[in-house]
Amino acid sequence: MSNFTEQDLFELKEDVEEAKQKVSELKGERQALMKQLKEEWGCVTVEQANEKIKEMESEISTFSEDIETGMEQLEDKLEK
């Protein structure tokens, strides 16, 4: 059996209370971020947000290709 002093037990209790407080804060932050994710991007889960990111990256890639093609066509017209 461990021989904890009263001070040891008091410190453990403080550590537990601090951990509970931190968990509570993190839960609140998570709720706020999930609410923001839903309101701004229409995503209810992190998985939906990741899928949205993939879709947006694909759109950006397509737009970049379109811009590059347009720039090349413009350069060709200016060279003629």
PDB file of N, CA and C in Angstrom:
ATOM      1  N   MET A   1       0.854  -1.185   0.000  1.00  0.00           N
ATOM      2  CA  MET A   1       0.000   0.000   0.000  1.00  0.00           C
ATOM      3  C   MET A   1       0.893   1.239   0.000  1.00  0.00           C
ATOM      4  N   SER A   2       0.520   2.247  -0.785  1.00  0.00           N
ATOM      5  CA  SER A   2       1.288   3.481  -0.858  1.00  0.00           C
ATOM      6  C   SER A   2       1.002   4.339   0.360  1.00  0.00           C
ATOM      7  N   ASN A   3       2.023   5.023   0.762  1.00  0.00           N
ATOM      8  CA  ASN A   3       1.868   5.927   1.902  1.00  0.00           C
ATOM      9  C   ASN A   3       1.827   7.357   1.400  1.00  0.00           C
ATOM     10  N   PHE A   4       0.639   7.819   1.091  1.00  0.00           N
ATOM     11  CA  PHE A   4       0.464   9.190   0.651  1.00  0.00           C
ATOM     12  C   PHE A   4       0.295  10.083   1.864  1.00  0.00           C
ATOM     13  N   THR A   5       0.961  11.213   1.792  1.00  0.00           N
ATOM     14  CA  THR A   5       0.768  12.186   2.860  1.00  0.00           C
ATOM     15  C   THR A   5      -0.467  13.002   2.528  1.00  0.00           C
ATOM     16  N   GLU A   6      -0.882  13.738   3.491  1.00  0.00           N
ATOM     17  CA  GLU A   6      -2.028  14.624   3.268  1.00  0.00           C
ATOM     18  C   GLU A   6      -1.699  15.623   2.174  1.00  0.00           C
ATOM     19  N   GLN A   7      -0.467  16.112   2.153  1.00  0.00           N
ATOM     20  CA  GLN A   7      -0.036  17.064   1.122  1.00  0.00           C
ATOM     21  C   GLN A   7      -0.066  16.402  -0.263  1.00  0.00           C
ATOM     22  N   ASP A   8       0.398  15.147  -0.362  1.00  0.00           N
ATOM     23  CA  ASP A   8       0.364  14.420  -1.633  1.00  0.00           C
ATOM     24  C   ASP A   8      -1.059  14.311  -2.151  1.00  0.00           C
ATOM     25  N   LEU A   9      -1.965  13.955  -1.278  1.00  0.00           N
ATOM     26  CA  LEU A   9      -3.370  13.814  -1.673  1.00  0.00           C
ATOM     27  C   LEU A   9      -3.967  15.151  -2.087  1.00  0.00           C
ATOM     28  N   PHE A  10      -3.600  16.204  -1.374  1.00  0.00           N
ATOM     29  CA  PHE A  10      -4.095  17.537  -1.712  1.00  0.00           C
ATOM     30  C   PHE A  10      -3.583  17.948  -3.088  1.00  0.00           C
ATOM     31  N   GLU A  11      -2.308  17.673  -3.386  1.00  0.00           N
ATOM     32  CA  GLU A  11      -1.732  18.016  -4.686  1.00  0.00           C
ATOM     33  C   GLU A  11      -2.378  17.197  -5.801  1.00  0.00           C
ATOM     34  N   LEU A  12      -2.622  15.922  -5.536  1.00  0.00           N
ATOM     35  CA  LEU A  12      -3.309  15.091  -6.524  1.00  0.00           C
ATOM     36  C   LEU A  12      -4.713  15.616  -6.803  1.00  0.00           C
ATOM     37  N   LYS A  13      -5.390  16.022  -5.752  1.00  0.00           N
ATOM     38  CA  LYS A  13      -6.737  16.575  -5.912  1.00  0.00           C
ATOM     39  C   LYS A  13      -6.687  17.834  -6.765  1.00  0.00           C
ATOM     40  N   GLU A  14      -5.702  18.697  -6.522  1.00  0.00           N
ATOM     41  CA  GLU A  14      -5.554  19.922  -7.323  1.00  0.00           C
ATOM     42  C   GLU A  14      -5.278  19.579  -8.783  1.00  0.00           C
ATOM     43  N   ASP A  15      -4.412  18.583  -9.012  1.00  0.00           N
ATOM     44  CA  ASP A  15      -4.110  18.160 -10.383  1.00  0.00           C
ATOM     45  C   ASP A  15      -5.357  17.652 -11.097  1.00  0.00           C
ATOM     46  N   VAL A  16      -6.153  16.880 -10.407  1.00  0.00           N
ATOM     47  CA  VAL A  16      -7.387  16.357 -10.976  1.00  0.00           C
ATOM     48  C   VAL A  16      -8.345  17.505 -11.303  1.00  0.00           C
ATOM     49  N   GLU A  17      -8.473  18.451 -10.401  1.00  0.00           N
ATOM     50  CA  GLU A  17      -9.364  19.593 -10.633  1.00  0.00           C
ATOM     51  C   GLU A  17      -8.887  20.425 -11.823  1.00  0.00           C
ATOM     52  N   GLU A  18      -7.574  20.623 -11.942  1.00  0.00           N
ATOM     53  CA  GLU A  18      -7.027  21.364 -13.085  1.00  0.00           C
ATOM     54  C   GLU A  18      -7.304  20.616 -14.381  1.00  0.00           C
ATOM     55  N   ALA A  19      -7.141  19.304 -14.362  1.00  0.00           N
ATOM     56  CA  ALA A  19      -7.400  18.502 -15.553  1.00  0.00           C
ATOM     57  C   ALA A  19      -8.878  18.578 -15.946  1.00  0.00           C
ATOM     58  N   LYS A  20      -9.762  18.515 -14.967  1.00  0.00           N
ATOM     59  CA  LYS A  20     -11.202  18.636 -15.247  1.00  0.00           C
ATOM     60  C   LYS A  20     -11.510  19.988 -15.875  1.00  0.00           C
ATOM     61  N   GLN A  21     -10.897  21.040 -15.346  1.00  0.00           N
ATOM     62  CA  GLN A  21     -11.111  22.393 -15.875  1.00  0.00           C
ATOM     63  C   GLN A  21     -10.633  22.483 -17.318  1.00  0.00           C
ATOM     64  N   LYS A  22      -9.459  21.910 -17.589  1.00  0.00           N
ATOM     65  CA  LYS A  22      -8.896  21.948 -18.942  1.00  0.00           C
ATOM     66  C   LYS A  22      -9.794  21.181 -19.914  1.00  0.00           C
ATOM     67  N   VAL A  23     -10.282  20.028 -19.490  1.00  0.00           N
ATOM     68  CA  VAL A  23     -11.193  19.242 -20.333  1.00  0.00           C
ATOM     69  C   VAL A  23     -12.447  20.054 -20.638  1.00  0.00           C
ATOM     70  N   SER A  24     -12.970  20.715 -19.644  1.00  0.00           N
ATOM     71  CA  SER A  24     -14.163  21.531 -19.830  1.00  0.00           C
ATOM     72  C   SER A  24     -13.898  22.667 -20.825  1.00  0.00           C
ATOM     73  N   GLU A  25     -12.755  23.318 -20.692  1.00  0.00           N
ATOM     74  CA  GLU A  25     -12.392  24.395 -21.617  1.00  0.00           C
ATOM     75  C   GLU A  25     -12.259  23.872 -23.045  1.00  0.00           C
ATOM     76  N   LEU A  26     -11.589  22.730 -23.196  1.00  0.00           N
ATOM     77  CA  LEU A  26     -11.396  22.147 -24.521  1.00  0.00           C
ATOM     78  C   LEU A  26     -12.722  21.738 -25.158  1.00  0.00           C
ATOM     79  N   LYS A  27     -13.634  21.214 -24.354  1.00  0.00           N
ATOM     80  CA  LYS A  27     -14.961  20.861 -24.872  1.00  0.00           C
ATOM     81  C   LYS A  27     -15.684  22.108 -25.371  1.00  0.00           C
ATOM     82  N   GLY A  28     -15.570  23.193 -24.607  1.00  0.00           N
ATOM     83  CA  GLY A  28     -16.199  24.447 -25.025  1.00  0.00           C
ATOM     84  C   GLY A  28     -15.605  24.974 -26.314  1.00  0.00           C
ATOM     85  N   GLU A  29     -14.287  24.910 -26.423  1.00  0.00           N
ATOM     86  CA  GLU A  29     -13.624  25.352 -27.648  1.00  0.00           C
ATOM     87  C   GLU A  29     -14.049  24.498 -28.831  1.00  0.00           C
ATOM     88  N   ARG A  30     -14.128  23.197 -28.605  1.00  0.00           N
ATOM     89  CA  ARG A  30     -14.534  22.289 -29.679  1.00  0.00           C
ATOM     90  C   ARG A  30     -15.948  22.613 -30.143  1.00  0.00           C
ATOM     91  N   GLN A  31     -16.849  22.845 -29.194  1.00  0.00           N
ATOM     92  CA  GLN A  31     -18.229  23.183 -29.554  1.00  0.00           C
ATOM     93  C   GLN A  31     -18.276  24.471 -30.369  1.00  0.00           C
ATOM     94  N   ALA A  32     -17.486  25.459 -29.959  1.00  0.00           N
ATOM     95  CA  ALA A  32     -17.468  26.731 -30.681  1.00  0.00           C
ATOM     96  C   ALA A  32     -16.924  26.544 -32.096  1.00  0.00           C
ATOM     97  N   LEU A  33     -15.874  25.752 -32.231  1.00  0.00           N
ATOM     98  CA  LEU A  33     -15.303  25.517 -33.554  1.00  0.00           C
ATOM     99  C   LEU A  33     -16.254  24.721 -34.444  1.00  0.00           C
ATOM    100  N   MET A  34     -16.934  23.748 -33.871  1.00  0.00           N
ATOM    101  CA  MET A  34     -17.895  22.973 -34.658  1.00  0.00           C
ATOM    102  C   MET A  34     -19.063  23.844 -35.105  1.00  0.00           C
ATOM    103  N   LYS A  35     -19.488  24.751 -34.248  1.00  0.00           N
ATOM    104  CA  LYS A  35     -20.563  25.678 -34.607  1.00  0.00           C
ATOM    105  C   LYS A  35     -20.111  26.578 -35.753  1.00  0.00           C
ATOM    106  N   GLN A  36     -18.900  27.085 -35.659  1.00  0.00           N
ATOM    107  CA  GLN A  36     -18.349  27.932 -36.721  1.00  0.00           C
ATOM    108  C   GLN A  36     -18.227  27.151 -38.027  1.00  0.00           C
ATOM    109  N   LEU A  37     -17.775  25.908 -37.938  1.00  0.00           N
ATOM    110  CA  LEU A  37     -17.639  25.052 -39.115  1.00  0.00           C
ATOM    111  C   LEU A  37     -18.985  24.862 -39.798  1.00  0.00           C
ATOM    112  N   LYS A  38     -20.020  24.682 -38.995  1.00  0.00           N
ATOM    113  CA  LYS A  38     -21.362  24.491 -39.550  1.00  0.00           C
ATOM    114  C   LYS A  38     -21.891  25.778 -40.171  1.00  0.00           C
ATOM    115  N   GLU A  39     -21.737  26.881 -39.450  1.00  0.00           N
ATOM    116  CA  GLU A  39     -22.291  28.151 -39.929  1.00  0.00           C
ATOM    117  C   GLU A  39     -21.572  28.666 -41.173  1.00  0.00           C
ATOM    118  N   GLU A  40     -20.260  28.563 -41.196  1.00  0.00           N
ATOM    119  CA  GLU A  40     -19.492  29.149 -42.295  1.00  0.00           C
ATOM    120  C   GLU A  40     -19.332  28.230 -43.496  1.00  0.00           C
ATOM    121  N   TRP A  41     -19.319  26.917 -43.264  1.00  0.00           N
ATOM    122  CA  TRP A  41     -19.029  25.997 -44.346  1.00  0.00           C
ATOM    123  C   TRP A  41     -20.093  24.924 -44.548  1.00  0.00           C
ATOM    124  N   GLY A  42     -21.098  24.890 -43.682  1.00  0.00           N
ATOM    125  CA  GLY A  42     -22.166  23.914 -43.833  1.00  0.00           C
ATOM    126  C   GLY A  42     -21.750  22.493 -43.506  1.00  0.00           C
ATOM    127  N   CYS A  43     -20.693  22.345 -42.722  1.00  0.00           N
ATOM    128  CA  CYS A  43     -20.192  21.017 -42.360  1.00  0.00           C
ATOM    129  C   CYS A  43     -20.560  20.707 -40.914  1.00  0.00           C
ATOM    130  N   VAL A  44     -21.101  19.518 -40.704  1.00  0.00           N
ATOM    131  CA  VAL A  44     -21.513  19.117 -39.366  1.00  0.00           C
ATOM    132  C   VAL A  44     -20.433  18.269 -38.686  1.00  0.00           C
ATOM    133  N   THR A  45     -19.591  17.639 -39.497  1.00  0.00           N
ATOM    134  CA  THR A  45     -18.534  16.799 -38.936  1.00  0.00           C
ATOM    135  C   THR A  45     -17.178  17.208 -39.506  1.00  0.00           C
ATOM    136  N   VAL A  46     -16.132  16.774 -38.847  1.00  0.00           N
ATOM    137  CA  VAL A  46     -14.782  17.040 -39.335  1.00  0.00           C
ATOM    138  C   VAL A  46     -14.566  16.313 -40.662  1.00  0.00           C
ATOM    139  N   GLU A  47     -15.153  15.140 -40.799  1.00  0.00           N
ATOM    140  CA  GLU A  47     -15.031  14.394 -42.043  1.00  0.00           C
ATOM    141  C   GLU A  47     -15.630  15.185 -43.209  1.00  0.00           C
ATOM    142  N   GLN A  48     -16.777  15.807 -42.974  1.00  0.00           N
ATOM    143  CA  GLN A  48     -17.389  16.639 -44.017  1.00  0.00           C
ATOM    144  C   GLN A  48     -16.479  17.817 -44.352  1.00  0.00           C
ATOM    145  N   ALA A  49     -15.850  18.389 -43.346  1.00  0.00           N
ATOM    146  CA  ALA A  49     -14.939  19.514 -43.582  1.00  0.00           C
ATOM    147  C   ALA A  49     -13.745  19.064 -44.414  1.00  0.00           C
ATOM    148  N   ASN A  50     -13.207  17.890 -44.121  1.00  0.00           N
ATOM    149  CA  ASN A  50     -12.092  17.371 -44.908  1.00  0.00           C
ATOM    150  C   ASN A  50     -12.498  17.133 -46.354  1.00  0.00           C
ATOM    151  N   GLU A  51     -13.704  16.643 -46.552  1.00  0.00           N
ATOM    152  CA  GLU A  51     -14.206  16.429 -47.909  1.00  0.00           C
ATOM    153  C   GLU A  51     -14.376  17.774 -48.625  1.00  0.00           C
ATOM    154  N   LYS A  52     -14.871  18.754 -47.896  1.00  0.00           N
ATOM    155  CA  LYS A  52     -15.037  20.094 -48.462  1.00  0.00           C
ATOM    156  C   LYS A  52     -13.687  20.665 -48.888  1.00  0.00           C
ATOM    157  N   ILE A  53     -12.671  20.430 -48.069  1.00  0.00           N
ATOM    158  CA  ILE A  53     -11.322  20.902 -48.390  1.00  0.00           C
ATOM    159  C   ILE A  53     -10.837  20.253 -49.689  1.00  0.00           C
ATOM    160  N   LYS A  54     -11.055  18.943 -49.828  1.00  0.00           N
ATOM    161  CA  LYS A  54     -10.646  18.253 -51.049  1.00  0.00           C
ATOM    162  C   LYS A  54     -11.350  18.840 -52.273  1.00  0.00           C
ATOM    163  N   GLU A  55     -12.652  19.099 -52.129  1.00  0.00           N
ATOM    164  CA  GLU A  55     -13.413  19.684 -53.234  1.00  0.00           C
ATOM    165  C   GLU A  55     -12.867  21.055 -53.605  1.00  0.00           C
ATOM    166  N   MET A  56     -12.591  21.859 -52.597  1.00  0.00           N
ATOM    167  CA  MET A  56     -12.085  23.210 -52.852  1.00  0.00           C
ATOM    168  C   MET A  56     -10.692  23.169 -53.466  1.00  0.00           C
ATOM    169  N   GLU A  57      -9.846  22.247 -53.019  1.00  0.00           N
ATOM    170  CA  GLU A  57      -8.518  22.110 -53.608  1.00  0.00           C
ATOM    171  C   GLU A  57      -8.618  21.720 -55.075  1.00  0.00           C
ATOM    172  N   SER A  58      -9.577  20.851 -55.394  1.00  0.00           N
ATOM    173  CA  SER A  58      -9.793  20.450 -56.779  1.00  0.00           C
ATOM    174  C   SER A  58     -10.251  21.641 -57.621  1.00  0.00           C
ATOM    175  N   GLU A  59     -11.158  22.438 -57.073  1.00  0.00           N
ATOM    176  CA  GLU A  59     -11.625  23.632 -57.784  1.00  0.00           C
ATOM    177  C   GLU A  59     -10.484  24.611 -58.009  1.00  0.00           C
ATOM    178  N   ILE A  60      -9.657  24.791 -57.004  1.00  0.00           N
ATOM    179  CA  ILE A  60      -8.516  25.704 -57.126  1.00  0.00           C
ATOM    180  C   ILE A  60      -7.573  25.220 -58.216  1.00  0.00           C
ATOM    181  N   SER A  61      -7.340  23.916 -58.240  1.00  0.00           N
ATOM    182  CA  SER A  61      -6.477  23.336 -59.264  1.00  0.00           C
ATOM    183  C   SER A  61      -7.046  23.591 -60.658  1.00  0.00           C
ATOM    184  N   THR A  62      -8.351  23.390 -60.807  1.00  0.00           N
ATOM    185  CA  THR A  62      -9.007  23.620 -62.093  1.00  0.00           C
ATOM    186  C   THR A  62      -8.908  25.084 -62.492  1.00  0.00           C
ATOM    187  N   PHE A  63      -9.167  25.991 -61.551  1.00  0.00           N
ATOM    188  CA  PHE A  63      -9.070  27.420 -61.837  1.00  0.00           C
ATOM    189  C   PHE A  63      -7.649  27.804 -62.222  1.00  0.00           C
ATOM    190  N   SER A  64      -6.674  27.236 -61.536  1.00  0.00           N
ATOM    191  CA  SER A  64      -5.274  27.530 -61.849  1.00  0.00           C
ATOM    192  C   SER A  64      -4.926  27.083 -63.263  1.00  0.00           C
ATOM    193  N   GLU A  65      -5.401  25.900 -63.629  1.00  0.00           N
ATOM    194  CA  GLU A  65      -5.166  25.405 -64.986  1.00  0.00           C
ATOM    195  C   GLU A  65      -5.840  26.303 -66.015  1.00  0.00           C
ATOM    196  N   ASP A  66      -7.071  26.729 -65.722  1.00  0.00           N
ATOM    197  CA  ASP A  66      -7.789  27.624 -66.636  1.00  0.00           C
ATOM    198  C   ASP A  66      -7.042  28.946 -66.797  1.00  0.00           C
ATOM    199  N   ILE A  67      -6.543  29.468 -65.716  1.00  0.00           N
ATOM    200  CA  ILE A  67      -5.802  30.735 -65.768  1.00  0.00           C
ATOM    201  C   ILE A  67      -4.518  30.554 -66.581  1.00  0.00           C
ATOM    202  N   GLU A  68      -3.817  29.459 -66.335  1.00  0.00           N
ATOM    203  CA  GLU A  68      -2.578  29.189 -67.074  1.00  0.00           C
ATOM    204  C   GLU A  68      -2.856  29.071 -68.567  1.00  0.00           C
ATOM    205  N   THR A  69      -3.920  28.353 -68.922  1.00  0.00           N
ATOM    206  CA  THR A  69      -4.288  28.202 -70.332  1.00  0.00           C
ATOM    207  C   THR A  69      -4.640  29.556 -70.930  1.00  0.00           C
ATOM    208  N   GLY A  70      -5.402  30.342 -70.204  1.00  0.00           N
ATOM    209  CA  GLY A  70      -5.770  31.676 -70.677  1.00  0.00           C
ATOM    210  C   GLY A  70      -4.552  32.571 -70.860  1.00  0.00           C
ATOM    211  N   MET A  71      -3.599  32.473 -69.949  1.00  0.00           N
ATOM    212  CA  MET A  71      -2.375  33.277 -70.055  1.00  0.00           C
ATOM    213  C   MET A  71      -1.578  32.863 -71.293  1.00  0.00           C
ATOM    214  N   GLU A  72      -1.501  31.568 -71.542  1.00  0.00           N
ATOM    215  CA  GLU A  72      -0.775  31.072 -72.715  1.00  0.00           C
ATOM    216  C   GLU A  72      -1.445  31.541 -74.008  1.00  0.00           C
ATOM    217  N   GLN A  73      -2.762  31.479 -74.053  1.00  0.00           N
ATOM    218  CA  GLN A  73      -3.503  31.932 -75.234  1.00  0.00           C
ATOM    219  C   GLN A  73      -3.293  33.423 -75.451  1.00  0.00           C
ATOM    220  N   LEU A  74      -3.310  34.176 -74.366  1.00  0.00           N
ATOM    221  CA  LEU A  74      -3.103  35.620 -74.474  1.00  0.00           C
ATOM    222  C   LEU A  74      -1.693  35.924 -74.960  1.00  0.00           C
ATOM    223  N   GLU A  75      -0.714  35.207 -74.453  1.00  0.00           N
ATOM    224  CA  GLU A  75       0.662  35.415 -74.900  1.00  0.00           C
ATOM    225  C   GLU A  75       0.807  35.083 -76.391  1.00  0.00           C
ATOM    226  N   ASP A  76       0.139  34.007 -76.812  1.00  0.00           N
ATOM    227  CA  ASP A  76       0.180  33.635 -78.238  1.00  0.00           C
ATOM    228  C   ASP A  76      -0.414  34.738 -79.099  1.00  0.00           C
ATOM    229  N   LYS A  77      -1.528  35.310 -78.679  1.00  0.00           N
ATOM    230  CA  LYS A  77      -2.186  36.379 -79.447  1.00  0.00           C
ATOM    231  C   LYS A  77      -1.314  37.628 -79.480  1.00  0.00           C
ATOM    232  N   LEU A  78      -0.652  37.918 -78.381  1.00  0.00           N
ATOM    233  CA  LEU A  78       0.198  39.112 -78.341  1.00  0.00           C
ATOM    234  C   LEU A  78       1.460  38.945 -79.187  1.00  0.00           C
ATOM    235  N   GLU A  79       1.917  37.718 -79.360  1.00  0.00           N
ATOM    236  CA  GLU A  79       3.118  37.455 -80.144  1.00  0.00           C
ATOM    237  C   GLU A  79       2.836  37.531 -81.652  1.00  0.00           C
ATOM    238  N   LYS A  80       1.589  37.381 -82.058  1.00  0.00           N
ATOM    239  CA  LYS A  80       1.236  37.376 -83.486  1.00  0.00           C
ATOM    240  C   LYS A  80       1.095  38.757 -84.032  1.00  0.00           C
TER     241      LYS A  80
END
